[in-house]
Amino acid sequence: MEAFVILAIGVWQIVVIVLLVLLLFGGRKIPELMRGVGQGMKEFKKATSDDSDEEEEMEDSRSRKKLKDIDD
């Protein structure tokens, strides 16, 4: 159902949203806001990739320990 809501947004709705943002923040603040959004996304991607790397390392150490236990 959520995917349907996202797909239901048309061109006019996007135009209205952009105009509201322009009215609320003004033209000078928008680049600063977008820069902040971009930095936030960059940090989020970095954090999620770090978490997945840590999970892979933990999984590798568990599998090595199991193999070591089997060999003993």
C-alpha atoms as a PDB file:
ATOM      1  CA  MET A   1       0.000   0.000   0.000  1.00  0.00           C
ATOM      2  CA  GLU A   2       2.878   2.355   0.784  1.00  0.00           C
ATOM      3  CA  ALA A   3       4.368   1.860  -2.684  1.00  0.00           C
ATOM      4  CA  PHE A   4       1.056   2.874  -4.218  1.00  0.00           C
ATOM      5  CA  VAL A   5       1.062   6.133  -2.246  1.00  0.00           C
ATOM      6  CA  ILE A   6       4.567   6.954  -3.484  1.00  0.00           C
ATOM      7  CA  LEU A   7       3.602   6.219  -7.074  1.00  0.00           C
ATOM      8  CA  ALA A   8       0.449   8.340  -6.754  1.00  0.00           C
ATOM      9  CA  ILE A   9       2.490  11.560  -6.512  1.00  0.00           C
ATOM     10  CA  GLY A  10       2.266  13.377  -9.809  1.00  0.00           C
ATOM     11  CA  VAL A  11       4.081  16.249 -11.421  1.00  0.00           C
ATOM     12  CA  TRP A  12       1.724  18.884 -10.064  1.00  0.00           C
ATOM     13  CA  GLN A  13       2.086  17.629  -6.513  1.00  0.00           C
ATOM     14  CA  ILE A  14       5.877  17.858  -6.823  1.00  0.00           C
ATOM     15  CA  VAL A  15       5.582  21.405  -8.196  1.00  0.00           C
ATOM     16  CA  VAL A  16       3.376  22.422  -5.265  1.00  0.00           C
ATOM     17  CA  ILE A  17       5.842  20.900  -2.777  1.00  0.00           C
ATOM     18  CA  VAL A  18       8.767  22.739  -4.388  1.00  0.00           C
ATOM     19  CA  LEU A  19       6.866  26.033  -4.301  1.00  0.00           C
ATOM     20  CA  LEU A  20       5.981  25.541  -0.631  1.00  0.00           C
ATOM     21  CA  VAL A  21       9.622  24.852   0.202  1.00  0.00           C
ATOM     22  CA  LEU A  22      10.654  27.995  -1.667  1.00  0.00           C
ATOM     23  CA  LEU A  23       8.085  30.054   0.209  1.00  0.00           C
ATOM     24  CA  LEU A  24       9.004  28.635   3.598  1.00  0.00           C
ATOM     25  CA  PHE A  25      12.793  28.751   3.365  1.00  0.00           C
ATOM     26  CA  GLY A  26      13.583  31.204   0.596  1.00  0.00           C
ATOM     27  CA  GLY A  27      15.990  30.762  -2.273  1.00  0.00           C
ATOM     28  CA  ARG A  28      19.125  31.394  -0.247  1.00  0.00           C
ATOM     29  CA  LYS A  29      18.516  28.727   2.377  1.00  0.00           C
ATOM     30  CA  ILE A  30      17.728  25.879  -0.035  1.00  0.00           C
ATOM     31  CA  PRO A  31      21.363  25.118  -1.022  1.00  0.00           C
ATOM     32  CA  GLU A  32      22.285  24.939   2.658  1.00  0.00           C
ATOM     33  CA  LEU A  33      19.368  22.614   3.345  1.00  0.00           C
ATOM     34  CA  MET A  34      20.252  20.348   0.424  1.00  0.00           C
ATOM     35  CA  ARG A  35      23.900  20.268   1.521  1.00  0.00           C
ATOM     36  CA  GLY A  36      22.773  19.167   4.970  1.00  0.00           C
ATOM     37  CA  VAL A  37      20.510  16.501   3.502  1.00  0.00           C
ATOM     38  CA  GLY A  38      23.366  15.230   1.337  1.00  0.00           C
ATOM     39  CA  GLN A  39      25.756  15.050   4.274  1.00  0.00           C
ATOM     40  CA  GLY A  40      23.142  13.224   6.319  1.00  0.00           C
ATOM     41  CA  MET A  41      22.610  10.673   3.567  1.00  0.00           C
ATOM     42  CA  LYS A  42      26.377  10.212   3.220  1.00  0.00           C
ATOM     43  CA  GLU A  43      26.750   9.572   6.960  1.00  0.00           C
ATOM     44  CA  PHE A  44      23.792   7.175   6.927  1.00  0.00           C
ATOM     45  CA  LYS A  45      25.267   5.157   4.052  1.00  0.00           C
ATOM     46  CA  LYS A  46      28.638   5.060   5.799  1.00  0.00           C
ATOM     47  CA  ALA A  47      27.063   3.859   9.042  1.00  0.00           C
ATOM     48  CA  THR A  48      25.050   1.150   7.327  1.00  0.00           C
ATOM     49  CA  SER A  49      28.061  -0.094   5.367  1.00  0.00           C
ATOM     50  CA  ASP A  50      30.156  -0.126   8.563  1.00  0.00           C
ATOM     51  CA  ASP A  51      27.472  -2.195  10.293  1.00  0.00           C
ATOM     52  CA  SER A  52      27.345  -4.702   7.454  1.00  0.00           C
ATOM     53  CA  ASP A  53      31.157  -4.983   7.487  1.00  0.00           C
ATOM     54  CA  GLU A  54      31.095  -5.673  11.226  1.00  0.00           C
ATOM     55  CA  GLU A  55      28.389  -8.315  10.765  1.00  0.00           C
ATOM     56  CA  GLU A  56      30.446 -10.056   8.073  1.00  0.00           C
ATOM     57  CA  GLU A  57      33.516 -10.060  10.327  1.00  0.00           C
ATOM     58  CA  MET A  58      31.516 -11.525  13.206  1.00  0.00           C
ATOM     59  CA  GLU A  59      30.041 -14.189  10.947  1.00  0.00           C
ATOM     60  CA  ASP A  60      33.494 -15.100   9.623  1.00  0.00           C
ATOM     61  CA  SER A  61      34.906 -15.413  13.139  1.00  0.00           C
ATOM     62  CA  ARG A  62      31.965 -17.611  14.180  1.00  0.00           C
ATOM     63  CA  SER A  63      32.435 -19.906  11.195  1.00  0.00           C
ATOM     64  CA  ARG A  64      36.199 -20.145  11.868  1.00  0.00           C
ATOM     65  CA  LYS A  65      35.490 -21.007  15.502  1.00  0.00           C
ATOM     66  CA  LYS A  66      33.007 -23.706  14.478  1.00  0.00           C
ATOM     67  CA  LEU A  67      35.533 -25.181  12.039  1.00  0.00           C
ATOM     68  CA  LYS A  68      38.206 -25.113  14.748  1.00  0.00           C
ATOM     69  CA  ASP A  69      35.875 -26.870  17.183  1.00  0.00           C
ATOM     70  CA  ILE A  70      35.073 -29.528  14.582  1.00  0.00           C
ATOM     71  CA  ASP A  71      38.764 -30.141  13.868  1.00  0.00           C
ATOM     72  CA  ASP A  72      39.523 -30.578  17.579  1.00  0.00           C
END
